[in-house]
Protein backbone atom coordinates (compact mmCIF):
# COMPACT_ATOMS: atom_id res chain seq x y z
CA UNK A 1 9.20 -26.50 13.17
CA UNK A 2 8.38 -25.21 9.50
CA UNK A 3 7.46 -21.61 10.86
CA UNK A 4 10.59 -21.61 13.12
CA UNK A 5 12.85 -22.27 9.94
CA UNK A 6 11.02 -19.69 7.58
CA UNK A 7 11.29 -16.85 10.28
CA UNK A 8 15.27 -17.59 10.39
CA UNK A 9 15.02 -17.12 6.50
CA UNK A 10 12.91 -14.14 7.05
CA UNK A 11 15.00 -12.48 9.40
CA UNK A 12 18.83 -13.70 7.11
CA UNK A 13 16.71 -11.70 4.19
CA UNK A 14 16.41 -8.61 6.78
CA UNK A 15 19.92 -8.50 7.96
CA UNK A 16 21.69 -8.71 4.88
CA UNK A 17 20.69 -5.38 3.79
CA UNK A 18 22.02 -3.68 6.69
CA UNK A 19 25.66 -3.79 4.88
CA UNK A 20 23.98 -2.83 1.61
CA UNK A 21 21.55 0.08 3.00
CA UNK A 22 23.35 2.26 5.60
CA UNK A 23 26.29 3.00 2.65
CA UNK A 24 23.95 3.88 0.56
CA UNK A 25 22.26 6.21 2.69
CA UNK A 26 24.98 7.77 3.58
CA UNK A 27 26.28 8.36 -0.05
CA UNK A 28 22.52 9.44 -0.53
CA UNK A 29 22.68 12.27 2.59
CA UNK A 30 26.35 13.62 1.17
CA UNK A 31 25.47 13.53 -2.32
CA UNK A 32 23.30 15.20 -4.61
CA UNK A 33 22.68 15.82 -8.54
CA UNK A 34 22.54 12.97 -10.59
CA UNK A 35 25.56 10.57 -8.39
CA UNK A 36 22.60 11.09 -5.68
CA UNK A 37 19.98 9.96 -7.90
CA UNK A 38 22.30 6.64 -8.57
CA UNK A 39 22.20 6.07 -5.01
CA UNK A 40 18.53 6.25 -5.09
CA UNK A 41 18.25 3.89 -8.21
CA UNK A 42 20.55 1.07 -6.06
CA UNK A 43 18.84 1.55 -3.25
CA UNK A 44 15.55 0.96 -4.51
CA UNK A 45 17.05 -2.30 -5.92
CA UNK A 46 17.66 -2.77 -2.92
CA UNK A 47 14.70 -3.12 -1.75
CA UNK A 48 13.09 -5.12 -4.77
CA UNK A 49 15.78 -7.51 -4.03
CA UNK A 50 14.46 -8.11 -0.60
CA UNK A 51 10.61 -8.06 -1.26
CA UNK A 52 11.87 -11.04 -4.31
CA UNK A 53 13.38 -12.95 -1.44
CA UNK A 54 10.62 -12.63 1.38
CA UNK A 55 8.22 -14.26 -1.45
CA UNK A 56 11.00 -17.34 -3.05
CA UNK A 57 10.92 -17.92 1.06
CA UNK A 58 7.21 -18.82 1.23
CA UNK A 59 7.09 -20.38 -2.22
CA UNK A 60 10.51 -22.52 -1.25
CA UNK A 61 8.85 -23.30 2.06
CA UNK A 62 4.46 -23.94 1.36
CA UNK A 63 4.40 -23.72 -2.41
CA UNK A 64 2.67 -20.61 -1.78
CA UNK A 65 1.14 -19.13 -4.51
CA UNK A 66 -0.45 -15.89 -6.14
CA UNK A 67 -3.42 -16.15 -8.86
CA UNK A 68 -3.16 -12.99 -10.58
CA UNK A 69 -6.75 -11.84 -12.19
CA UNK A 70 -6.52 -8.73 -14.61
CA UNK A 71 -7.40 -8.67 -18.57
CA UNK A 72 -5.32 -5.01 -18.38
CA UNK A 73 -3.14 -6.16 -15.93
CA UNK A 74 0.21 -6.07 -18.76
CA UNK A 75 -0.65 -2.27 -19.45
CA UNK A 76 1.45 -1.46 -16.00
CA UNK A 77 4.97 -0.42 -16.65
CA UNK A 78 8.09 -0.37 -14.43
CA UNK A 79 8.50 4.01 -15.52
CA UNK A 80 5.19 4.50 -14.42
CA UNK A 81 3.34 6.17 -11.39
CA UNK A 82 0.12 5.34 -9.96
CA UNK A 83 -1.66 5.17 -6.89
CA UNK A 84 -2.73 1.54 -6.00
CA UNK A 85 -5.97 1.06 -4.01
CA UNK A 86 -6.82 -2.58 -2.07
CA UNK A 87 -9.37 -3.99 0.62
CA UNK A 88 -7.37 -4.19 3.98
CA UNK A 89 -7.42 -7.82 5.84
CA UNK A 90 -5.39 -8.36 7.70
CA UNK A 91 -1.26 -7.23 8.06
CA UNK A 92 -0.15 -10.03 4.82
CA UNK A 93 -1.92 -7.74 2.90
CA UNK A 94 0.98 -5.08 2.13
CA UNK A 95 3.73 -8.53 1.43
CA UNK A 96 0.89 -9.54 -1.65
CA UNK A 97 0.74 -6.28 -3.27
CA UNK A 98 4.30 -5.83 -3.01
CA UNK A 99 5.53 -9.65 -4.26
CA UNK A 100 2.36 -9.39 -7.13
CA UNK A 101 3.63 -5.81 -8.61
CA UNK A 102 6.93 -6.09 -7.43
CA UNK A 103 9.56 -4.67 -10.57
CA UNK A 104 6.26 -4.15 -12.64
CA UNK A 105 5.94 -0.77 -11.43
CA UNK A 106 7.85 1.29 -9.65
CA UNK A 107 8.74 0.62 -6.24
CA UNK A 108 5.58 1.05 -3.90
CA UNK A 109 5.65 3.30 -1.15
CA UNK A 110 2.92 4.12 1.71
CA UNK A 111 1.94 6.42 3.75
CA UNK A 112 3.72 5.61 7.60
CA UNK A 113 3.44 7.35 11.27
CA UNK A 114 6.20 9.86 11.54
CA UNK A 115 6.96 7.66 14.62
CA UNK A 116 8.20 5.04 13.10
CA UNK A 117 11.22 6.06 11.31
CA UNK A 118 13.15 5.51 14.43
CA UNK A 119 12.68 1.57 14.41
CA UNK A 120 15.17 -0.31 13.79
CA UNK A 121 16.53 -1.27 10.27
CA UNK A 122 12.62 -0.66 8.62
CA UNK A 123 12.33 2.48 9.71
CA UNK A 124 15.97 3.77 7.67
CA UNK A 125 15.45 1.66 5.00
CA UNK A 126 11.78 3.91 4.85
CA UNK A 127 13.78 7.12 5.38
CA UNK A 128 16.13 5.68 2.71
CA UNK A 129 13.96 4.59 0.43
CA UNK A 130 12.06 8.55 0.45
CA UNK A 131 8.27 6.58 1.96
CA UNK A 132 6.10 9.69 2.52
CA UNK A 133 6.02 9.82 6.64
CA UNK A 134 3.10 11.72 7.90
CA UNK A 135 2.11 13.48 11.70
CA UNK A 136 -1.48 12.42 12.03
CA UNK A 137 -3.85 13.41 14.79
CA UNK A 138 -5.25 10.99 17.90
CA UNK A 139 -8.82 10.77 18.03
CA UNK A 140 -8.58 12.69 20.99
CA UNK A 141 -6.76 15.63 19.96
CA UNK A 142 -9.30 15.68 17.01
CA UNK A 143 -11.96 15.82 18.92
CA UNK A 144 -10.46 18.60 21.24
CA UNK A 145 -9.43 20.55 17.63
CA UNK A 146 -11.18 19.68 14.50
CA UNK A 147 -9.39 21.43 12.67
CA UNK A 148 -6.50 19.42 13.23
CA UNK A 149 -8.02 17.14 10.00
CA UNK A 150 -7.63 20.38 7.53
CA UNK A 151 -3.29 20.67 8.88
CA UNK A 152 -3.32 16.26 8.75
CA UNK A 153 -4.45 16.50 5.14
CA UNK A 154 -2.56 19.40 3.88
CA UNK A 155 0.42 17.77 5.85
CA UNK A 156 -0.14 14.92 3.49
CA UNK A 157 -0.32 17.12 0.53
CA UNK A 158 3.18 18.71 1.59
CA UNK A 159 4.50 15.22 1.15
CA UNK A 160 3.48 14.66 -2.08
CA UNK A 161 4.95 17.12 -3.52
CA UNK A 162 8.40 14.92 -3.62
CA UNK A 163 6.72 12.75 -6.12
CA UNK A 164 5.68 15.09 -9.29
CA UNK A 165 8.26 14.81 -11.79
CA UNK A 166 9.32 11.55 -11.26
CA UNK A 167 7.94 7.87 -11.37
CA UNK A 168 5.47 6.40 -8.50
CA UNK A 169 3.79 3.68 -7.27
CA UNK A 170 2.06 4.40 -3.55
CA UNK A 171 -0.82 2.45 -1.70
CA UNK A 172 -3.48 3.91 -0.06
CA UNK A 173 -5.57 1.38 1.66
CA UNK A 174 -9.14 3.43 2.03
CA UNK A 175 -10.32 1.42 5.14
CA UNK A 176 -7.98 3.06 6.97
CA UNK A 177 -7.45 0.02 9.47
CA UNK A 178 -8.04 -3.89 8.70
CA UNK A 179 -10.99 -5.61 8.91
CA UNK A 180 -11.09 -7.80 11.89
CA UNK A 181 -14.52 -9.51 13.68
CA UNK A 182 -14.09 -7.27 16.12
CA UNK A 183 -14.28 -3.90 14.01
CA UNK A 184 -17.31 -5.76 11.28
CA UNK A 185 -19.34 -6.36 14.98
CA UNK A 186 -18.83 -2.42 16.32
CA UNK A 187 -19.50 -1.43 13.26
CA UNK A 188 -22.39 -3.51 11.59
CA UNK A 189 -24.97 -0.65 11.46
CA UNK A 190 -23.07 2.28 10.01
CA UNK A 191 -21.74 -0.38 7.92
CA UNK A 192 -23.29 -1.08 4.28
CA UNK A 193 -20.73 -3.98 3.24
CA UNK A 194 -20.52 -7.50 3.67
CA UNK A 195 -16.91 -8.31 3.51
CA UNK A 196 -15.18 -4.30 3.87
CA UNK A 197 -15.19 -1.93 6.27
CA UNK A 198 -16.38 1.71 4.81
CA UNK A 199 -13.80 3.68 3.20
CA UNK A 200 -13.02 7.50 3.13
CA UNK A 201 -11.85 8.87 0.36
CA UNK A 202 -10.77 12.64 1.20
CA UNK A 203 -7.02 11.61 1.63
CA UNK A 204 -6.33 9.48 -1.87
CA UNK A 205 -8.89 12.88 -2.93
CA UNK A 206 -5.84 14.67 -1.54
CA UNK A 207 -3.08 12.90 -3.29
CA UNK A 208 -4.24 12.22 -6.45
CA UNK A 209 -5.09 16.75 -6.74
CA UNK A 210 -1.52 17.31 -5.81
CA UNK A 211 -0.20 14.32 -8.19
CA UNK A 212 -3.00 14.94 -10.84
CA UNK A 213 -0.33 15.86 -13.84
CA UNK A 214 2.33 13.50 -12.51
CA UNK A 215 -0.40 9.75 -12.50
CA UNK A 216 -1.10 7.69 -15.32
CA UNK A 217 -3.89 5.69 -13.67
CA UNK A 218 -5.25 4.02 -10.43
CA UNK A 219 -4.37 -0.11 -9.71
CA UNK A 220 -7.84 -1.33 -7.39
CA UNK A 221 -6.61 -4.65 -5.98
CA UNK A 222 -8.90 -7.00 -4.27
CA UNK A 223 -7.34 -9.68 -1.59
CA UNK A 224 -9.68 -12.23 -1.68
CA UNK A 225 -8.70 -15.47 0.92
CA UNK A 226 -9.62 -18.80 1.47
CA UNK A 227 -11.16 -18.25 5.11
CA UNK A 228 -12.51 -15.10 6.14
CA UNK A 229 -10.35 -13.99 9.05
CA UNK A 230 -6.99 -14.29 7.69
CA UNK A 231 -3.66 -13.57 9.84
CA UNK A 232 -0.16 -12.75 8.61
CA UNK A 233 0.91 -15.67 11.14
CA UNK A 234 -1.30 -17.76 8.57
CA UNK A 235 -0.20 -17.26 5.79
CA UNK A 236 4.05 -17.86 6.77
CA UNK A 237 3.20 -20.70 8.57
CA UNK A 238 1.63 -21.90 5.48
CA UNK A 239 -1.84 -22.60 6.58
CA UNK A 240 -2.98 -20.38 3.64
CA UNK A 241 -0.69 -21.32 0.57
CA UNK A 242 -3.46 -19.97 -2.77
CA UNK A 243 -4.58 -17.32 -2.78
CA UNK A 244 -6.61 -14.63 -5.44
CA UNK A 245 -5.84 -10.89 -6.71
CA UNK A 246 -8.06 -9.15 -8.97
CA UNK A 247 -6.27 -6.65 -10.38
CA UNK A 248 -8.42 -3.66 -12.56
CA UNK A 249 -6.06 -0.46 -14.26
CA UNK A 250 -7.91 2.51 -14.26
CA UNK A 251 -6.44 5.11 -16.52
CA UNK A 252 -6.16 8.66 -14.73
CA UNK A 253 -9.34 10.03 -17.22
CA UNK A 254 -11.61 7.89 -16.12
CA UNK A 255 -11.76 8.59 -12.31
CA UNK A 256 -13.56 12.05 -11.44
CA UNK A 257 -10.20 13.92 -9.68
CA UNK A 258 -10.85 16.98 -7.89
CA UNK A 259 -8.99 19.85 -10.20
CA UNK A 260 -9.54 22.31 -7.39
CA UNK A 261 -6.93 21.75 -3.98
CA UNK A 262 -9.40 23.42 -1.63
CA UNK A 263 -11.85 21.35 -2.30
CA UNK A 264 -10.40 17.78 -2.87
CA UNK A 265 -10.51 16.85 0.82
CA UNK A 266 -14.38 16.74 0.91
CA UNK A 267 -14.57 16.24 -2.85
CA UNK A 268 -18.19 14.29 -3.38
CA UNK A 269 -17.09 12.71 -6.72
CA UNK A 270 -14.25 11.41 -5.58
CA UNK A 271 -16.19 9.62 -2.25
CA UNK A 272 -18.87 8.48 -5.31
CA UNK A 273 -16.84 6.78 -7.06
CA UNK A 274 -14.56 4.95 -4.07
CA UNK A 275 -18.41 3.76 -3.29
CA UNK A 276 -19.51 2.39 -6.54
CA UNK A 277 -15.43 0.88 -6.43
CA UNK A 278 -16.04 -1.18 -3.11
CA UNK A 279 -19.69 -1.88 -4.10
CA UNK A 280 -18.08 -4.18 -6.80
CA UNK A 281 -15.27 -5.28 -4.40
CA UNK A 282 -17.88 -6.46 -1.76
CA UNK A 283 -19.88 -8.02 -4.35
CA UNK A 284 -16.06 -9.81 -6.18
CA UNK A 285 -15.38 -11.01 -3.17
CA UNK A 286 -18.85 -12.76 -2.03
CA UNK A 287 -19.09 -14.19 -4.79
CA UNK A 288 -15.41 -15.65 -4.80
CA UNK A 289 -16.61 -16.57 -0.93
CA UNK A 290 -19.92 -18.39 -2.10
CA UNK A 291 -18.05 -20.51 -4.58
CA UNK A 292 -15.40 -22.06 -2.89
C-alpha cells in the first residue's frame, strides 16, 4: 500500500510541472537576451522545487535520511561551477545526489543520450533546462569504426561550450554503468576494486579541459548504501531509510587537468588522479561495510 501511495505522490509531483514548464519553455524559445535568461531562472526554480518535493515525499512516507559527511561541504556556492563524480550502484544515485546538493550548487545536469529527448515530459524538461544531449556510438559501431570514439568525444566537447562563462554543475558517472553483481562477475579479472567498477577518465578529461577556465572545483561523492546491491525500488519502498554520502570538494588547482585539448582524451595524469580517487572510494566503502 505504501508503495502505491509513493507512486501516486511522485507521479503528481511530475504532473504539476507540465502547466508550469511548457509555457516557460515556449517563452524561452521565442525570446533572447535578458528576457530569455529570466525564463531560464524560472525554469531552474521549477526543477529545484521538483527535486525538493521528491525528497519531501520519501521523508514523509518513510523517514528517509541522508547522512552527509564532509568537512569542506560548506564551501559550495549556488553560483559556483563544478564537476561532480560519484560511484554508480543504482538508479537512485541521481535522486540522492540531487537531494543532497539541491540549491547548494547550480542545478545539476548530466549527459543524456540524444534519443531520450523524445521521452514525454521528462525529455522536454531536460531540453528546457539545457541538459547536454550527446550522440554516442554503440559498441558494435565502435568495433567496426574505432574512429567514432574520437568523434563522440568531440561531440561532448562541443556540447560543453554552452556552459563556458556561466555557473554550472555537471555530473559524470565515470564507471559508465551501474555496479551490478552480473557486471562485477563479468569484469572480475580486469577490475581491481571490490565495491566499484573501473572508472573511465577520457570523458571527464575532455569536459574539464573544455571548461577549465570556468571551473571552480570537483565534487567527489561516495554513496554508501546499507546493503550491498541496492535498487531504486528499495529506496522508494522504504527498505532503505538511511545511508551515508561522503563529499570531498577538490579545488580545481589540485586536479591535473590537461591544458592541451588534443591530449585530453588520453591524459595519463587525469587517469592516475581518477584511479587514485577510486582506490580511496573503494577503501572507504569497505571500511563502512565492515563496521556494520
